[in-house]
N, C-alpha and C. Protein backbone atom coordinates (compact mmCIF):
# COMPACT_ATOMS: atom_id res chain seq x y z
N UNK A 1 -171.61 27.52 -24.35
CA UNK A 1 -171.10 26.78 -25.53
C UNK A 1 -171.42 25.45 -25.75
N UNK A 2 -171.66 25.13 -26.66
CA UNK A 2 -172.12 23.67 -26.81
C UNK A 2 -170.89 22.99 -26.90
N UNK A 3 -171.11 21.42 -26.32
CA UNK A 3 -169.96 20.67 -26.70
C UNK A 3 -170.56 19.47 -27.82
N UNK A 4 -169.74 19.28 -28.35
CA UNK A 4 -169.89 18.03 -29.11
C UNK A 4 -169.54 16.97 -29.10
N UNK A 5 -169.72 15.69 -28.72
CA UNK A 5 -169.24 14.47 -28.79
C UNK A 5 -170.03 13.43 -29.18
N UNK A 6 -169.54 12.72 -29.68
CA UNK A 6 -169.82 11.74 -30.64
C UNK A 6 -170.72 11.65 -31.43
N UNK A 7 -171.13 13.17 -32.10
CA UNK A 7 -171.76 13.63 -33.01
C UNK A 7 -173.11 14.28 -32.38
N UNK A 8 -173.05 14.24 -30.75
CA UNK A 8 -174.00 14.83 -30.28
C UNK A 8 -173.67 16.08 -29.36
N UNK A 9 -174.74 16.83 -29.47
CA UNK A 9 -174.57 18.40 -29.35
C UNK A 9 -175.00 18.61 -27.76
N UNK A 10 -173.95 18.89 -26.93
CA UNK A 10 -174.50 19.26 -25.31
C UNK A 10 -174.63 20.62 -25.02
N UNK A 11 -174.96 20.84 -23.72
CA UNK A 11 -175.21 22.21 -23.12
C UNK A 11 -174.77 21.81 -21.72
N UNK A 12 -173.80 22.89 -21.15
CA UNK A 12 -173.62 23.17 -20.01
C UNK A 12 -174.79 23.53 -19.17
N UNK A 13 -174.77 23.68 -17.50
CA UNK A 13 -175.83 24.46 -16.73
C UNK A 13 -175.80 25.88 -17.24
N UNK A 14 -174.99 26.24 -17.29
CA UNK A 14 -174.95 28.04 -17.61
C UNK A 14 -175.62 28.27 -19.10
N UNK A 15 -175.15 27.56 -19.75
CA UNK A 15 -175.77 27.74 -21.00
C UNK A 15 -177.21 27.62 -21.37
N UNK A 16 -177.57 26.35 -20.86
CA UNK A 16 -179.19 25.99 -20.37
C UNK A 16 -179.89 27.56 -19.57
N UNK A 17 -179.53 27.34 -18.69
CA UNK A 17 -180.32 28.62 -17.81
C UNK A 17 -180.36 30.24 -18.85
N UNK A 18 -179.33 30.40 -19.33
CA UNK A 18 -179.23 31.69 -20.36
C UNK A 18 -180.21 31.10 -21.48
N UNK A 19 -180.63 30.15 -21.91
CA UNK A 19 -181.46 30.20 -23.02
C UNK A 19 -182.62 29.92 -22.67
N UNK A 20 -182.93 29.52 -21.04
CA UNK A 20 -184.44 29.16 -20.98
C UNK A 20 -184.87 30.43 -20.32
N UNK A 21 -183.89 30.85 -19.63
CA UNK A 21 -184.04 32.39 -18.57
C UNK A 21 -184.69 31.87 -17.54
N UNK A 22 -183.93 31.06 -16.99
CA UNK A 22 -183.98 30.94 -15.29
C UNK A 22 -182.86 30.96 -14.20
N UNK A 23 -182.84 30.88 -13.53
CA UNK A 23 -181.54 31.07 -12.88
C UNK A 23 -181.12 29.51 -12.63
N UNK A 24 -179.77 29.28 -12.30
CA UNK A 24 -178.89 28.14 -12.07
C UNK A 24 -179.39 27.39 -10.66
N UNK A 25 -180.12 28.20 -9.85
CA UNK A 25 -180.37 27.73 -8.27
C UNK A 25 -181.84 27.25 -8.38
N UNK A 26 -182.63 27.79 -9.59
CA UNK A 26 -184.14 27.31 -9.78
C UNK A 26 -184.25 26.19 -10.83
N UNK A 27 -183.03 26.11 -11.75
CA UNK A 27 -182.79 24.87 -12.29
C UNK A 27 -182.60 23.49 -11.52
N UNK A 28 -181.64 23.91 -10.45
CA UNK A 28 -180.95 22.92 -9.72
C UNK A 28 -182.18 22.23 -8.82
N UNK A 29 -183.07 23.72 -8.03
CA UNK A 29 -184.25 23.31 -7.03
C UNK A 29 -185.19 22.09 -8.24
N UNK A 30 -185.53 22.46 -9.66
CA UNK A 30 -186.25 21.58 -10.39
C UNK A 30 -186.09 20.38 -10.48
N UNK A 31 -184.37 20.10 -10.31
CA UNK A 31 -183.70 18.85 -10.67
C UNK A 31 -183.85 18.37 -9.23
N UNK A 32 -183.62 18.43 -8.04
CA UNK A 32 -183.36 17.94 -7.23
C UNK A 32 -184.99 17.57 -6.16
N UNK A 33 -186.11 18.86 -7.01
CA UNK A 33 -187.63 18.37 -6.50
C UNK A 33 -188.06 16.89 -7.23
N UNK A 34 -187.25 17.09 -8.55
CA UNK A 34 -188.03 15.73 -9.41
C UNK A 34 -189.17 16.23 -10.16
N UNK A 35 -189.14 17.81 -10.48
CA UNK A 35 -189.89 18.44 -11.39
C UNK A 35 -189.36 18.70 -12.85
N UNK A 36 -188.08 18.47 -12.61
CA UNK A 36 -187.16 17.95 -14.14
C UNK A 36 -186.35 16.67 -13.69
N UNK A 37 -186.45 15.94 -14.94
CA UNK A 37 -185.57 14.26 -14.74
C UNK A 37 -184.02 15.14 -14.47
N UNK A 38 -183.27 14.66 -13.79
CA UNK A 38 -181.43 14.77 -13.94
C UNK A 38 -181.26 14.15 -15.58
N UNK A 39 -179.82 15.00 -15.59
CA UNK A 39 -179.49 14.25 -17.02
C UNK A 39 -178.87 13.06 -16.75
N UNK A 40 -178.94 12.75 -17.95
CA UNK A 40 -177.76 11.37 -17.64
C UNK A 40 -176.53 11.07 -17.87
N UNK A 41 -176.20 12.26 -19.01
CA UNK A 41 -174.74 12.47 -19.10
C UNK A 41 -174.18 13.51 -18.33
N UNK A 42 -173.17 13.09 -18.02
CA UNK A 42 -172.23 14.34 -17.34
C UNK A 42 -170.83 14.16 -17.74
N UNK A 43 -169.62 15.23 -17.65
CA UNK A 43 -168.36 15.50 -18.49
C UNK A 43 -167.65 14.67 -17.22
N UNK A 44 -166.11 14.58 -17.48
CA UNK A 44 -165.44 14.12 -16.58
C UNK A 44 -165.33 14.63 -15.25
N UNK A 45 -165.69 15.98 -15.10
CA UNK A 45 -165.68 16.45 -13.83
C UNK A 45 -166.99 16.49 -12.95
N UNK A 46 -167.76 15.66 -13.76
CA UNK A 46 -169.42 15.63 -12.99
C UNK A 46 -170.20 16.48 -13.50
N UNK A 47 -170.15 17.62 -14.25
CA UNK A 47 -170.73 18.76 -14.38
C UNK A 47 -172.15 17.99 -15.50
N UNK A 48 -173.18 18.31 -15.11
CA UNK A 48 -174.10 18.11 -15.93
C UNK A 48 -173.89 18.64 -17.73
N UNK A 49 -174.64 17.28 -18.36
CA UNK A 49 -174.42 17.86 -19.55
C UNK A 49 -175.84 17.93 -20.04
N UNK A 50 -176.80 18.87 -21.04
CA UNK A 50 -178.40 18.77 -21.43
C UNK A 50 -178.23 18.52 -22.59
N UNK A 51 -179.14 17.70 -22.98
CA UNK A 51 -178.70 17.44 -25.04
C UNK A 51 -180.27 18.78 -24.90
N UNK A 52 -180.31 18.71 -26.72
CA UNK A 52 -181.65 19.53 -26.91
C UNK A 52 -182.88 18.96 -26.77
N UNK A 53 -183.20 17.87 -26.27
CA UNK A 53 -184.58 17.34 -25.86
C UNK A 53 -184.44 17.98 -24.10
N UNK A 54 -183.68 18.02 -23.50
CA UNK A 54 -183.52 17.87 -21.96
C UNK A 54 -184.04 19.66 -22.28
N UNK A 55 -183.45 20.41 -22.43
CA UNK A 55 -183.56 21.66 -22.92
C UNK A 55 -185.24 22.03 -23.27
N UNK A 56 -185.58 21.22 -24.06
CA UNK A 56 -187.11 21.52 -24.56
C UNK A 56 -187.81 21.08 -23.14
N UNK A 57 -187.61 20.09 -22.52
CA UNK A 57 -188.71 19.92 -21.25
C UNK A 57 -188.27 20.57 -20.42
N UNK A 58 -187.00 21.63 -20.27
CA UNK A 58 -186.88 22.78 -19.19
C UNK A 58 -187.59 23.55 -19.33
N UNK A 59 -187.32 24.14 -20.95
CA UNK A 59 -188.39 25.22 -21.16
C UNK A 59 -189.52 25.38 -21.23
N UNK A 60 -190.32 24.00 -21.25
CA UNK A 60 -191.71 23.88 -21.21
C UNK A 60 -192.19 24.06 -20.09
N UNK A 61 -191.44 24.08 -18.86
CA UNK A 61 -191.65 23.76 -17.56
C UNK A 61 -191.35 25.41 -17.19
N UNK A 62 -190.48 25.91 -17.78
CA UNK A 62 -190.41 27.61 -17.39
C UNK A 62 -191.62 28.61 -17.99
N UNK A 63 -191.71 27.76 -18.93
CA UNK A 63 -192.94 28.82 -19.31
C UNK A 63 -194.22 28.39 -19.31
N UNK A 64 -194.62 27.46 -18.42
CA UNK A 64 -195.95 27.03 -17.97
C UNK A 64 -196.52 28.00 -17.22
N UNK A 65 -197.92 27.77 -17.34
CA UNK A 65 -198.98 29.10 -16.83
C UNK A 65 -199.40 28.27 -15.99
N UNK A 66 -199.72 28.67 -14.57
CA UNK A 66 -200.78 28.38 -13.72
C UNK A 66 -201.70 29.31 -13.75
N UNK A 67 -203.08 28.70 -14.18
CA UNK A 67 -204.25 29.11 -14.39
C UNK A 67 -205.03 29.02 -12.86
N UNK A 68 -205.27 30.04 -12.42
CA UNK A 68 -205.78 29.77 -11.02
C UNK A 68 -207.40 30.50 -11.42
N UNK A 69 -208.53 29.69 -10.58
CA UNK A 69 -209.68 30.07 -11.14
C UNK A 69 -210.04 31.43 -10.25
N UNK A 70 -210.41 32.00 -10.70
CA UNK A 70 -210.86 33.35 -10.61
C UNK A 70 -212.21 33.39 -9.73
N UNK A 71 -212.00 34.10 -8.81
CA UNK A 71 -213.10 34.27 -7.71
C UNK A 71 -213.97 35.60 -7.67
N UNK A 72 -214.83 35.18 -8.16
CA UNK A 72 -216.07 36.68 -7.83
C UNK A 72 -215.81 37.52 -6.75
N UNK A 73 -215.43 38.46 -6.67
CA UNK A 73 -215.61 39.67 -5.01
C UNK A 73 -216.64 40.56 -4.95
N UNK A 74 -217.65 40.42 -4.06
CA UNK A 74 -218.65 41.47 -4.04
C UNK A 74 -217.62 42.65 -3.83
N UNK A 75 -218.37 43.83 -4.81
CA UNK A 75 -217.72 45.10 -4.17
C UNK A 75 -218.55 45.76 -3.62
N UNK A 76 -218.41 46.85 -2.64
CA UNK A 76 -219.37 47.63 -2.44
C UNK A 76 -218.78 49.32 -2.72
N UNK A 77 -219.61 49.89 -3.17
CA UNK A 77 -219.60 51.13 -3.56
C UNK A 77 -219.92 51.99 -2.57
N UNK A 78 -218.56 52.64 -1.60
CA UNK A 78 -219.13 53.16 -0.54
C UNK A 78 -219.09 55.21 -0.69
N UNK A 79 -218.81 55.45 -1.69
CA UNK A 79 -219.27 56.97 -2.23
C UNK A 79 -220.79 56.57 -1.85
N UNK A 80 -221.38 55.50 -2.58
CA UNK A 80 -222.92 55.81 -2.34
C UNK A 80 -223.80 55.81 -1.29
N UNK A 81 -223.13 55.75 0.01
CA UNK A 81 -223.39 55.46 1.03
C UNK A 81 -224.39 56.79 1.67
């Protein structure tokens, strides 16, 4: 459930994970490893609050596709031996 403070809408970690489709542990691992920048805003309990721009960056990372070079492997026809 979003929180509105001073005209800005914020989302909690749980909401962001559900929206983006990643687990909480994955999101926190991305933050601790520096893959995703930590949020600048926290509530009075110290919980992270994410803006729509933060969510967009997380979503971009979550939907990133690593394209590996395909290696052509020589196959053998064992039936024709």
